[in-house]
């Protein structure tokens, strides 16, 4: 059986933007746009966290332009894959897990609460 059949790394998130997106130029020269989504947990604990704040990124220029227009509090939906990114600092190698997004859209307020997906 091939690895392509066994492995699957698809992430779909819908949540609120915590703050405006940030644009970074990496040492490689690539442009990275990152933002954070606040998503509710499906079944929060009685006295625990009820939301998670997840870091999303994209290298896709068209998606970077769309994300730049999003405002804190906007409800958005993104699709991508979970990845771990590594880089070197003065203190050694560090890493972070984030969602590398290939698609994203702002969800109209009227459909933000609906479970039916709009096109």
C-alpha atoms as a PDB file:
ATOM      1  CA  UNK A   1       0.000   0.000   0.000  1.00  0.00           C
ATOM      2  CA  UNK A   2       1.392   3.421  -0.889  1.00  0.00           C
ATOM      3  CA  UNK A   3       2.016   6.149   1.671  1.00  0.00           C
ATOM      4  CA  UNK A   4      -0.401   8.428  -0.216  1.00  0.00           C
ATOM      5  CA  UNK A   5      -3.235   6.026   0.603  1.00  0.00           C
ATOM      6  CA  UNK A   6      -2.292   5.595   4.278  1.00  0.00           C
ATOM      7  CA  UNK A   7      -1.497   9.185   5.286  1.00  0.00           C
ATOM      8  CA  UNK A   8      -3.897  12.090   5.363  1.00  0.00           C
ATOM      9  CA  UNK A   9      -3.258  15.611   6.579  1.00  0.00           C
ATOM     10  CA  UNK A  10      -6.307  17.788   5.902  1.00  0.00           C
ATOM     11  CA  UNK A  11      -7.375  20.555   8.251  1.00  0.00           C
ATOM     12  CA  UNK A  12     -10.561  22.631   7.991  1.00  0.00           C
ATOM     13  CA  UNK A  13     -11.072  25.374  10.564  1.00  0.00           C
ATOM     14  CA  UNK A  14     -13.794  27.943  11.045  1.00  0.00           C
ATOM     15  CA  UNK A  15     -13.271  30.571  13.709  1.00  0.00           C
ATOM     16  CA  UNK A  16     -12.729  34.205  14.590  1.00  0.00           C
ATOM     17  CA  UNK A  17      -9.601  36.125  13.651  1.00  0.00           C
ATOM     18  CA  UNK A  18      -7.853  37.155  16.887  1.00  0.00           C
ATOM     19  CA  UNK A  19      -5.898  40.066  15.355  1.00  0.00           C
ATOM     20  CA  UNK A  20      -4.876  41.338  11.913  1.00  0.00           C
ATOM     21  CA  UNK A  21      -2.502  39.091   9.955  1.00  0.00           C
ATOM     22  CA  UNK A  22       1.250  39.691  10.030  1.00  0.00           C
ATOM     23  CA  UNK A  23       3.556  39.589   7.015  1.00  0.00           C
ATOM     24  CA  UNK A  24       7.112  38.270   7.500  1.00  0.00           C
ATOM     25  CA  UNK A  25      10.021  37.937   5.112  1.00  0.00           C
ATOM     26  CA  UNK A  26      11.967  34.786   5.932  1.00  0.00           C
ATOM     27  CA  UNK A  27      15.783  34.534   5.617  1.00  0.00           C
ATOM     28  CA  UNK A  28      15.158  32.505   2.437  1.00  0.00           C
ATOM     29  CA  UNK A  29      13.423  35.561   0.935  1.00  0.00           C
ATOM     30  CA  UNK A  30      10.001  33.878   0.960  1.00  0.00           C
ATOM     31  CA  UNK A  31       7.049  35.926   2.208  1.00  0.00           C
ATOM     32  CA  UNK A  32       4.954  34.322   4.925  1.00  0.00           C
ATOM     33  CA  UNK A  33       1.653  35.678   6.214  1.00  0.00           C
ATOM     34  CA  UNK A  34       0.475  34.413   9.596  1.00  0.00           C
ATOM     35  CA  UNK A  35      -2.683  34.898  11.627  1.00  0.00           C
ATOM     36  CA  UNK A  36      -4.379  33.264  14.584  1.00  0.00           C
ATOM     37  CA  UNK A  37      -7.851  31.755  14.682  1.00  0.00           C
ATOM     38  CA  UNK A  38      -9.938  31.366  17.809  1.00  0.00           C
ATOM     39  CA  UNK A  39     -11.948  28.149  17.544  1.00  0.00           C
ATOM     40  CA  UNK A  40     -14.334  26.691  20.107  1.00  0.00           C
ATOM     41  CA  UNK A  41     -13.687  23.182  21.359  1.00  0.00           C
ATOM     42  CA  UNK A  42     -16.466  20.740  20.457  1.00  0.00           C
ATOM     43  CA  UNK A  43     -16.945  19.669  24.078  1.00  0.00           C
ATOM     44  CA  UNK A  44     -15.333  22.086  26.528  1.00  0.00           C
ATOM     45  CA  UNK A  45     -14.431  20.827  29.968  1.00  0.00           C
ATOM     46  CA  UNK A  46     -16.498  22.067  32.893  1.00  0.00           C
ATOM     47  CA  UNK A  47     -13.597  24.135  34.260  1.00  0.00           C
ATOM     48  CA  UNK A  48     -11.183  24.088  31.370  1.00  0.00           C
ATOM     49  CA  UNK A  49     -10.448  25.872  28.175  1.00  0.00           C
ATOM     50  CA  UNK A  50     -13.428  26.285  25.883  1.00  0.00           C
ATOM     51  CA  UNK A  51     -11.410  27.620  22.900  1.00  0.00           C
ATOM     52  CA  UNK A  52      -8.089  27.054  21.177  1.00  0.00           C
ATOM     53  CA  UNK A  53      -6.070  29.746  19.419  1.00  0.00           C
ATOM     54  CA  UNK A  54      -4.391  28.195  16.384  1.00  0.00           C
ATOM     55  CA  UNK A  55      -1.692  29.717  14.205  1.00  0.00           C
ATOM     56  CA  UNK A  56      -2.335  29.664  10.462  1.00  0.00           C
ATOM     57  CA  UNK A  57       0.116  30.610   7.706  1.00  0.00           C
ATOM     58  CA  UNK A  58       0.229  30.852   3.941  1.00  0.00           C
ATOM     59  CA  UNK A  59       2.874  31.307   1.277  1.00  0.00           C
ATOM     60  CA  UNK A  60       0.191  31.636  -1.447  1.00  0.00           C
ATOM     61  CA  UNK A  61       0.187  35.232  -2.738  1.00  0.00           C
ATOM     62  CA  UNK A  62      -3.514  35.315  -3.681  1.00  0.00           C
ATOM     63  CA  UNK A  63      -4.511  34.046  -0.237  1.00  0.00           C
ATOM     64  CA  UNK A  64      -2.078  36.505   1.382  1.00  0.00           C
ATOM     65  CA  UNK A  65      -3.931  39.394  -0.310  1.00  0.00           C
ATOM     66  CA  UNK A  66      -7.320  38.109   0.927  1.00  0.00           C
ATOM     67  CA  UNK A  67      -6.067  37.549   4.465  1.00  0.00           C
ATOM     68  CA  UNK A  68      -4.651  41.100   4.567  1.00  0.00           C
ATOM     69  CA  UNK A  69      -8.217  42.439   4.225  1.00  0.00           C
ATOM     70  CA  UNK A  70      -9.550  40.402   7.169  1.00  0.00           C
ATOM     71  CA  UNK A  71     -10.147  42.222  10.466  1.00  0.00           C
ATOM     72  CA  UNK A  72      -9.978  41.062  14.069  1.00  0.00           C
ATOM     73  CA  UNK A  73     -13.295  39.391  14.917  1.00  0.00           C
ATOM     74  CA  UNK A  74     -14.072  38.343  11.330  1.00  0.00           C
ATOM     75  CA  UNK A  75     -15.320  34.776  11.014  1.00  0.00           C
ATOM     76  CA  UNK A  76     -13.202  32.909   8.481  1.00  0.00           C
ATOM     77  CA  UNK A  77     -12.846  29.381   7.185  1.00  0.00           C
ATOM     78  CA  UNK A  78      -9.514  27.945   6.079  1.00  0.00           C
ATOM     79  CA  UNK A  79      -8.315  24.673   4.578  1.00  0.00           C
ATOM     80  CA  UNK A  80      -4.786  23.368   4.727  1.00  0.00           C
ATOM     81  CA  UNK A  81      -2.442  20.904   6.379  1.00  0.00           C
ATOM     82  CA  UNK A  82      -0.812  20.730   9.791  1.00  0.00           C
ATOM     83  CA  UNK A  83       2.937  21.216   9.585  1.00  0.00           C
ATOM     84  CA  UNK A  84       5.920  21.688  11.870  1.00  0.00           C
ATOM     85  CA  UNK A  85       8.327  24.432  10.793  1.00  0.00           C
ATOM     86  CA  UNK A  86      11.927  24.651  12.075  1.00  0.00           C
ATOM     87  CA  UNK A  87      14.424  27.520  12.138  1.00  0.00           C
ATOM     88  CA  UNK A  88      17.635  28.461  13.919  1.00  0.00           C
ATOM     89  CA  UNK A  89      18.014  31.160  16.546  1.00  0.00           C
ATOM     90  CA  UNK A  90      20.949  32.266  18.692  1.00  0.00           C
ATOM     91  CA  UNK A  91      19.769  29.790  21.321  1.00  0.00           C
ATOM     92  CA  UNK A  92      19.465  26.808  18.959  1.00  0.00           C
ATOM     93  CA  UNK A  93      16.824  25.260  16.749  1.00  0.00           C
ATOM     94  CA  UNK A  94      13.175  26.017  17.465  1.00  0.00           C
ATOM     95  CA  UNK A  95       9.972  24.767  15.893  1.00  0.00           C
ATOM     96  CA  UNK A  96       6.282  25.507  15.779  1.00  0.00           C
ATOM     97  CA  UNK A  97       3.188  23.587  14.645  1.00  0.00           C
ATOM     98  CA  UNK A  98       0.841  25.564  12.416  1.00  0.00           C
ATOM     99  CA  UNK A  99      -1.783  25.134   9.726  1.00  0.00           C
ATOM    100  CA  UNK A 100      -0.316  25.817   6.274  1.00  0.00           C
ATOM    101  CA  UNK A 101      -3.404  27.122   4.446  1.00  0.00           C
ATOM    102  CA  UNK A 102      -4.081  26.659   0.758  1.00  0.00           C
ATOM    103  CA  UNK A 103      -7.604  28.144   0.839  1.00  0.00           C
ATOM    104  CA  UNK A 104      -9.395  30.692   2.947  1.00  0.00           C
ATOM    105  CA  UNK A 105     -12.482  32.830   2.882  1.00  0.00           C
ATOM    106  CA  UNK A 106     -14.370  35.242   5.053  1.00  0.00           C
ATOM    107  CA  UNK A 107     -17.687  33.749   6.169  1.00  0.00           C
ATOM    108  CA  UNK A 108     -20.666  36.102   5.798  1.00  0.00           C
ATOM    109  CA  UNK A 109     -22.205  36.927   9.183  1.00  0.00           C
ATOM    110  CA  UNK A 110     -25.537  35.386   8.150  1.00  0.00           C
ATOM    111  CA  UNK A 111     -23.961  31.974   7.557  1.00  0.00           C
ATOM    112  CA  UNK A 112     -21.299  32.059  10.311  1.00  0.00           C
ATOM    113  CA  UNK A 113     -23.567  30.216  12.734  1.00  0.00           C
ATOM    114  CA  UNK A 114     -25.037  27.812  10.196  1.00  0.00           C
ATOM    115  CA  UNK A 115     -23.747  24.281   9.779  1.00  0.00           C
ATOM    116  CA  UNK A 116     -24.541  24.407   6.054  1.00  0.00           C
ATOM    117  CA  UNK A 117     -21.561  25.367   3.944  1.00  0.00           C
ATOM    118  CA  UNK A 118     -21.908  28.215   1.470  1.00  0.00           C
ATOM    119  CA  UNK A 119     -19.980  28.448  -1.782  1.00  0.00           C
END
